[in-house]
């Protein structure tokens, strides 16, 4: 079912309520923009459009009004599709014999320490050829680590794929739960405190 104009209006209102400035403040221009967005997003459902706006607003760089293309890129794919893409990327990297992937949050800056007034410098791991997200990293670890993953033979692919998928989906679930907890904590933190009166 195609997106309706009321949903586009809700999306625009959500963007405005969160401080994203619209390209035009004139009512006639906004109506024309809403009709254009409706036409360009006509193959999406109402839920997908509202979900895309929510995902866009959670991004760090959501200062500017999103284009229809930016909203499309925010539509979340099902976890199974993302897992399949991550598995394919890892298999491709293994076939190309790429080195160990960079762990998410891996520092690339030298760390300086001082021990007994002597400076010690720990240099980061060598430059990685490719990086992975946390869920993909956990999937690789469930398969025995990168050294085991890249040497996997055909007889082990099915079992390793099951292990990869379980770890990947578990990591995605954990990340979503952590995000929900941070959001709830932020909302609780901004509530006005009640003052006790004698």
Protein backbone atom coordinates (compact mmCIF):
# COMPACT_ATOMS: atom_id res chain seq x y z
CA UNK A 1 0.00 0.00 0.00
CA UNK A 2 1.41 3.38 -1.01
CA UNK A 3 2.27 6.08 1.47
CA UNK A 4 -0.44 8.70 1.95
CA UNK A 5 -0.11 12.46 2.32
CA UNK A 6 -1.11 12.34 5.99
CA UNK A 7 1.88 10.12 6.77
CA UNK A 8 4.20 12.51 4.93
CA UNK A 9 2.71 15.34 7.01
CA UNK A 10 3.43 13.34 10.21
CA UNK A 11 7.00 12.74 9.01
CA UNK A 12 7.48 16.46 8.30
CA UNK A 13 6.02 17.34 11.73
CA UNK A 14 8.39 14.88 13.44
CA UNK A 15 11.37 16.40 11.67
CA UNK A 16 10.31 19.93 12.65
CA UNK A 17 9.61 18.90 16.26
CA UNK A 18 13.16 17.58 16.57
CA UNK A 19 14.67 20.84 15.35
CA UNK A 20 15.41 19.98 11.73
CA UNK A 21 14.80 23.12 9.71
CA UNK A 22 12.67 22.70 6.59
CA UNK A 23 13.98 24.11 3.30
CA UNK A 24 11.01 26.52 3.08
CA UNK A 25 8.69 27.99 5.68
CA UNK A 26 5.91 28.94 3.28
CA UNK A 27 2.79 26.76 3.53
CA UNK A 28 2.38 26.53 -0.26
CA UNK A 29 5.98 25.37 -0.68
CA UNK A 30 5.62 22.82 2.12
CA UNK A 31 2.47 21.36 0.57
CA UNK A 32 4.25 21.08 -2.77
CA UNK A 33 7.22 19.42 -1.04
CA UNK A 34 4.96 16.95 0.74
CA UNK A 35 3.30 16.01 -2.55
CA UNK A 36 6.74 15.52 -4.16
CA UNK A 37 7.91 13.33 -1.26
CA UNK A 38 4.69 11.32 -1.53
CA UNK A 39 5.32 10.73 -5.22
CA UNK A 40 9.00 9.79 -4.75
CA UNK A 41 8.27 7.48 -1.80
CA UNK A 42 5.06 6.03 -3.27
CA UNK A 43 6.35 2.44 -3.29
CA UNK A 44 6.88 2.47 0.51
CA UNK A 45 4.36 1.81 3.24
CA UNK A 46 3.39 4.34 5.88
CA UNK A 47 5.31 2.38 8.53
CA UNK A 48 8.48 2.31 6.42
CA UNK A 49 8.40 6.09 5.92
CA UNK A 50 7.90 6.79 9.63
CA UNK A 51 10.60 4.25 10.51
CA UNK A 52 12.99 5.94 8.07
CA UNK A 53 12.36 9.34 9.69
CA UNK A 54 13.04 7.84 13.14
CA UNK A 55 16.29 6.25 11.96
CA UNK A 56 17.35 9.51 10.27
CA UNK A 57 16.71 11.51 13.45
CA UNK A 58 18.90 9.10 15.46
CA UNK A 59 21.91 9.83 13.24
CA UNK A 60 24.56 12.26 14.40
CA UNK A 61 24.36 14.32 11.21
CA UNK A 62 20.60 14.85 11.15
CA UNK A 63 20.85 18.65 11.17
CA UNK A 64 19.54 19.15 7.67
CA UNK A 65 16.24 18.27 6.05
CA UNK A 66 16.51 14.78 4.52
CA UNK A 67 15.99 14.20 0.82
CA UNK A 68 13.75 11.30 -0.27
CA UNK A 69 16.91 9.38 -1.17
CA UNK A 70 18.34 9.86 2.33
CA UNK A 71 15.08 8.61 3.83
CA UNK A 72 15.20 5.56 1.56
CA UNK A 73 18.72 4.76 2.76
CA UNK A 74 17.43 4.81 6.36
CA UNK A 75 14.92 2.04 5.82
CA UNK A 76 16.21 -0.84 7.90
CA UNK A 77 16.60 -4.17 6.22
CA UNK A 78 15.56 -7.30 8.08
CA UNK A 79 18.34 -8.78 10.21
CA UNK A 80 18.41 -11.90 8.04
CA UNK A 81 19.25 -9.81 4.96
CA UNK A 82 22.00 -7.95 6.81
CA UNK A 83 23.42 -11.22 8.13
CA UNK A 84 23.54 -12.63 4.59
CA UNK A 85 25.36 -9.53 3.35
CA UNK A 86 27.87 -9.75 6.22
CA UNK A 87 28.43 -13.47 5.55
CA UNK A 88 28.98 -12.79 1.84
CA UNK A 89 31.43 -9.98 2.60
CA UNK A 90 33.42 -12.23 4.95
CA UNK A 91 33.48 -15.09 2.44
CA UNK A 92 34.63 -12.65 -0.26
CA UNK A 93 37.38 -11.30 2.02
CA UNK A 94 38.50 -14.85 2.81
CA UNK A 95 38.66 -15.75 -0.89
CA UNK A 96 40.73 -12.61 -1.59
CA UNK A 97 43.00 -13.56 1.30
CA UNK A 98 42.62 -10.23 3.08
CA UNK A 99 44.27 -9.86 6.43
CA UNK A 100 42.54 -9.88 9.79
CA UNK A 101 39.67 -7.39 9.92
CA UNK A 102 39.82 -4.44 12.26
CA UNK A 103 37.80 -4.87 15.42
CA UNK A 104 35.19 -2.15 15.96
CA UNK A 105 36.66 0.56 18.17
CA UNK A 106 40.22 -0.49 17.37
CA UNK A 107 42.57 2.43 17.98
CA UNK A 108 44.81 3.52 15.14
CA UNK A 109 46.65 6.12 17.22
CA UNK A 110 49.83 5.34 19.14
CA UNK A 111 49.33 5.15 22.90
CA UNK A 112 51.95 6.90 25.01
CA UNK A 113 52.65 5.62 28.51
CA UNK A 114 55.19 6.74 31.08
CA UNK A 115 56.87 4.20 33.30
CA UNK A 116 59.51 5.47 35.75
CA UNK A 117 59.81 8.72 33.78
CA UNK A 118 60.50 6.80 30.57
CA UNK A 119 58.18 7.17 27.63
CA UNK A 120 56.84 3.98 26.08
CA UNK A 121 54.87 4.10 22.87
CA UNK A 122 52.50 1.30 21.93
CA UNK A 123 51.84 1.42 18.22
CA UNK A 124 48.51 0.21 16.90
CA UNK A 125 48.07 -3.00 15.00
CA UNK A 126 49.20 -2.85 11.37
CA UNK A 127 46.91 -1.12 8.90
CA UNK A 128 43.91 -3.30 8.23
CA UNK A 129 42.62 -3.86 4.73
CA UNK A 130 38.99 -3.94 5.83
CA UNK A 131 36.82 -3.18 8.82
CA UNK A 132 33.76 -4.90 10.22
CA UNK A 133 30.95 -3.87 12.53
CA UNK A 134 30.40 -5.38 15.99
CA UNK A 135 27.83 -7.94 14.82
CA UNK A 136 30.08 -9.22 12.01
CA UNK A 137 33.05 -9.35 14.40
CA UNK A 138 31.06 -11.53 16.80
CA UNK A 139 29.99 -13.76 13.92
CA UNK A 140 33.62 -14.29 12.90
CA UNK A 141 34.57 -15.04 16.52
CA UNK A 142 31.75 -17.63 16.75
CA UNK A 143 33.35 -19.43 13.81
CA UNK A 144 36.65 -19.69 15.68
CA UNK A 145 38.20 -16.36 14.71
CA UNK A 146 39.51 -15.08 11.41
CA UNK A 147 42.33 -17.62 11.11
CA UNK A 148 39.80 -20.49 11.26
CA UNK A 149 37.21 -18.67 9.15
CA UNK A 150 39.50 -17.99 6.21
CA UNK A 151 40.70 -21.63 6.09
CA UNK A 152 37.21 -23.12 6.28
CA UNK A 153 36.62 -25.99 3.85
CA UNK A 154 33.35 -26.88 2.11
CA UNK A 155 32.39 -29.56 4.63
CA UNK A 156 32.27 -26.98 7.47
CA UNK A 157 30.53 -24.09 5.70
CA UNK A 158 26.99 -25.06 6.73
CA UNK A 159 27.80 -25.41 10.45
CA UNK A 160 29.97 -22.30 10.47
CA UNK A 161 27.23 -20.32 8.75
CA UNK A 162 24.76 -21.34 11.48
CA UNK A 163 27.25 -20.28 14.18
CA UNK A 164 27.91 -16.99 12.36
CA UNK A 165 24.20 -16.26 12.01
CA UNK A 166 23.44 -16.99 15.67
CA UNK A 167 26.22 -14.72 16.90
CA UNK A 168 25.36 -11.99 14.38
CA UNK A 169 21.66 -11.91 15.27
CA UNK A 170 22.48 -12.06 18.99
CA UNK A 171 24.81 -9.08 18.62
CA UNK A 172 22.18 -7.09 16.73
CA UNK A 173 19.65 -7.84 19.47
CA UNK A 174 22.12 -6.76 22.16
CA UNK A 175 22.93 -3.53 20.32
CA UNK A 176 19.22 -2.73 19.95
CA UNK A 177 18.62 -3.43 23.65
CA UNK A 178 21.53 -1.17 24.63
CA UNK A 179 20.14 1.61 22.44
CA UNK A 180 16.71 1.26 24.06
CA UNK A 181 18.29 1.44 27.54
CA UNK A 182 20.27 4.57 26.61
CA UNK A 183 17.13 6.20 25.22
CA UNK A 184 15.14 5.34 28.36
CA UNK A 185 17.94 6.60 30.60
CA UNK A 186 18.09 9.86 28.66
CA UNK A 187 14.35 10.34 28.99
CA UNK A 188 14.43 9.63 32.72
CA UNK A 189 17.35 12.02 33.13
CA UNK A 190 15.46 14.99 31.67
CA UNK A 191 12.30 14.59 33.75
CA UNK A 192 11.79 17.40 36.25
CA UNK A 193 12.67 16.44 39.78
CA UNK A 194 9.90 16.77 42.35
CA UNK A 195 10.78 18.90 45.31
CA UNK A 196 9.93 17.63 48.76
CA UNK A 197 8.09 20.20 50.85
CA UNK A 198 8.11 20.11 54.66
